[in-house]
């Protein structure tokens, strides 16, 4: 009887561990998501998030509309030099689109230049809660003729 109780306890622990692994697996995928693409001496960083995460003051200063159904893509380009240093640079061209199962929309990028930073913002629509959105962008650094492709697939939620 005692052996059966131990087996039952171990079985419950094993089942709980398996269930927790299955439930937490998407979280580990998100945490390991790429945030940049490096090609040669250029690296393009990107992030996408719901605009409701922006403070009203920041959103207003950038001309971004906050909302549960709106996302924002942020893209920046660094150029690396032989001495190991890097510097943010402009994009000669930047274009892209976002799409879900029903819609494909062009992204309209706005350049933001700060003292030590240069980045490009593009708002996009989140039509449905828990929606998988695919974002594809081509960036050509100002000092290059080769474009760098970015592809981001992520679920977005109405917050």
Protein backbone atom coordinates (compact mmCIF):
# COMPACT_ATOMS: atom_id res chain seq x y z
CA UNK A 1 0.00 0.00 0.00
CA UNK A 2 2.82 2.38 0.88
CA UNK A 3 4.51 1.67 -2.47
CA UNK A 4 1.28 2.43 -4.32
CA UNK A 5 0.99 5.80 -2.53
CA UNK A 6 4.58 6.73 -3.51
CA UNK A 7 3.93 5.70 -7.11
CA UNK A 8 0.75 7.82 -7.14
CA UNK A 9 2.65 10.82 -5.75
CA UNK A 10 5.46 10.46 -8.32
CA UNK A 11 2.91 10.08 -11.09
CA UNK A 12 1.16 13.30 -10.01
CA UNK A 13 4.50 15.17 -9.87
CA UNK A 14 5.47 13.88 -13.32
CA UNK A 15 2.12 14.87 -14.81
CA UNK A 16 2.30 18.35 -13.24
CA UNK A 17 5.85 18.81 -14.59
CA UNK A 18 4.80 17.78 -18.09
CA UNK A 19 1.73 20.03 -17.96
CA UNK A 20 3.79 23.01 -16.74
CA UNK A 21 6.35 22.41 -19.51
CA UNK A 22 3.61 22.38 -22.14
CA UNK A 23 1.98 25.53 -20.79
CA UNK A 24 5.24 27.45 -20.41
CA UNK A 25 6.74 26.38 -23.76
CA UNK A 26 5.32 29.43 -25.68
CA UNK A 27 6.87 31.74 -23.07
CA UNK A 28 10.33 30.31 -23.70
CA UNK A 29 9.87 30.80 -27.43
CA UNK A 30 9.01 34.47 -26.93
CA UNK A 31 11.94 35.00 -24.59
CA UNK A 32 14.33 33.55 -27.19
CA UNK A 33 12.94 35.55 -30.09
CA UNK A 34 15.56 37.24 -32.26
CA UNK A 35 15.81 41.00 -31.91
CA UNK A 36 18.33 41.70 -34.64
CA UNK A 37 19.72 40.59 -37.97
CA UNK A 38 23.41 41.06 -38.69
CA UNK A 39 24.78 41.00 -42.21
CA UNK A 40 28.37 42.02 -42.80
CA UNK A 41 29.16 45.24 -40.99
CA UNK A 42 25.48 46.13 -40.43
CA UNK A 43 23.04 45.08 -37.74
CA UNK A 44 19.33 45.87 -37.86
CA UNK A 45 17.53 45.80 -34.50
CA UNK A 46 13.76 45.52 -34.27
CA UNK A 47 10.94 45.23 -31.76
CA UNK A 48 7.17 45.27 -31.98
CA UNK A 49 4.71 45.93 -29.19
CA UNK A 50 1.25 47.22 -28.39
CA UNK A 51 1.07 51.04 -28.29
CA UNK A 52 -0.80 50.90 -24.99
CA UNK A 53 2.62 50.19 -23.41
CA UNK A 54 3.76 53.71 -24.34
CA UNK A 55 3.12 56.45 -21.84
CA UNK A 56 0.67 59.10 -23.09
CA UNK A 57 3.47 61.69 -22.99
CA UNK A 58 5.88 59.62 -25.13
CA UNK A 59 3.14 58.66 -27.60
CA UNK A 60 2.08 62.29 -27.96
CA UNK A 61 5.64 63.53 -28.49
CA UNK A 62 6.11 60.96 -31.30
CA UNK A 63 2.68 61.45 -32.84
CA UNK A 64 1.69 57.86 -32.10
CA UNK A 65 -1.93 56.95 -31.39
CA UNK A 66 -2.22 54.72 -28.34
CA UNK A 67 -4.80 51.94 -28.35
CA UNK A 68 -5.48 48.32 -27.55
CA UNK A 69 -5.83 47.56 -31.25
CA UNK A 70 -2.61 49.26 -32.39
CA UNK A 71 0.94 47.99 -32.53
CA UNK A 72 4.23 49.75 -33.16
CA UNK A 73 7.33 48.47 -34.94
CA UNK A 74 10.69 50.00 -34.01
CA UNK A 75 13.68 49.46 -36.35
CA UNK A 76 17.23 50.82 -36.03
CA UNK A 77 20.49 50.24 -37.94
CA UNK A 78 24.05 50.08 -36.60
CA UNK A 79 27.21 50.07 -38.67
CA UNK A 80 30.27 48.33 -37.17
CA UNK A 81 33.78 49.56 -37.89
CA UNK A 82 37.13 47.65 -37.97
CA UNK A 83 38.16 49.08 -34.58
CA UNK A 84 35.10 47.40 -32.99
CA UNK A 85 33.09 50.58 -32.54
CA UNK A 86 29.61 51.03 -33.93
CA UNK A 87 27.41 53.96 -34.83
CA UNK A 88 23.68 54.32 -35.55
CA UNK A 89 23.10 55.17 -39.21
CA UNK A 90 20.21 56.13 -41.42
CA UNK A 91 18.38 53.80 -43.75
CA UNK A 92 18.65 54.63 -47.43
CA UNK A 93 15.35 52.79 -47.90
CA UNK A 94 13.00 51.05 -45.50
CA UNK A 95 9.75 49.40 -46.50
CA UNK A 96 7.58 46.61 -45.26
CA UNK A 97 4.17 45.21 -44.51
CA UNK A 98 2.23 43.52 -41.76
CA UNK A 99 -0.30 40.83 -42.36
CA UNK A 100 -2.61 38.40 -40.65
CA UNK A 101 -4.97 35.79 -42.10
CA UNK A 102 -7.22 38.37 -43.79
CA UNK A 103 -5.31 41.64 -44.21
CA UNK A 104 -2.03 42.79 -45.70
CA UNK A 105 -1.08 46.37 -44.91
CA UNK A 106 1.89 48.48 -45.94
CA UNK A 107 3.92 49.96 -43.11
CA UNK A 108 4.48 53.71 -43.09
CA UNK A 109 7.81 54.47 -41.38
CA UNK A 110 8.64 57.69 -39.55
CA UNK A 111 12.29 58.52 -38.83
CA UNK A 112 13.18 59.69 -35.33
CA UNK A 113 16.61 61.26 -34.76
CA UNK A 114 17.91 61.85 -31.25
CA UNK A 115 21.36 62.85 -29.99
CA UNK A 116 22.82 59.33 -29.96
CA UNK A 117 20.10 57.37 -31.71
CA UNK A 118 18.25 57.07 -34.98
CA UNK A 119 15.29 54.76 -35.43
CA UNK A 120 12.21 54.19 -37.55
CA UNK A 121 8.70 53.71 -36.21
CA UNK A 122 5.77 52.17 -38.06
CA UNK A 123 2.33 51.73 -36.52
CA UNK A 124 0.21 48.72 -37.49
CA UNK A 125 -3.30 47.48 -36.78
CA UNK A 126 -4.12 44.58 -34.44
CA UNK A 127 -7.50 43.51 -35.78
CA UNK A 128 -8.30 40.69 -33.34
CA UNK A 129 -7.23 39.81 -29.82
CA UNK A 130 -4.59 37.05 -29.67
CA UNK A 131 -3.80 37.57 -33.34
CA UNK A 132 -0.76 36.19 -35.14
CA UNK A 133 0.78 39.03 -37.15
CA UNK A 134 3.66 38.61 -39.55
CA UNK A 135 5.84 41.64 -40.23
CA UNK A 136 8.29 41.73 -43.12
CA UNK A 137 10.69 44.64 -43.62
CA UNK A 138 13.53 45.36 -46.03
CA UNK A 139 16.15 47.86 -44.82
CA UNK A 140 18.99 49.24 -46.92
CA UNK A 141 21.61 51.08 -44.83
CA UNK A 142 22.60 54.49 -46.18
CA UNK A 143 26.18 53.34 -46.80
CA UNK A 144 25.19 50.13 -48.61
CA UNK A 145 23.40 48.91 -51.71
CA UNK A 146 22.33 45.61 -50.14
CA UNK A 147 19.03 45.33 -48.30
CA UNK A 148 18.63 43.37 -45.09
CA UNK A 149 15.39 41.43 -44.63
CA UNK A 150 13.56 41.14 -41.32
CA UNK A 151 10.70 38.73 -40.65
CA UNK A 152 8.87 38.77 -37.34
CA UNK A 153 5.98 36.47 -36.43
CA UNK A 154 4.25 37.21 -33.15
CA UNK A 155 0.90 37.08 -31.38
CA UNK A 156 -0.51 40.42 -30.31
CA UNK A 157 -3.22 40.99 -27.74
CA UNK A 158 -5.66 43.77 -27.03
CA UNK A 159 -4.36 45.09 -23.70
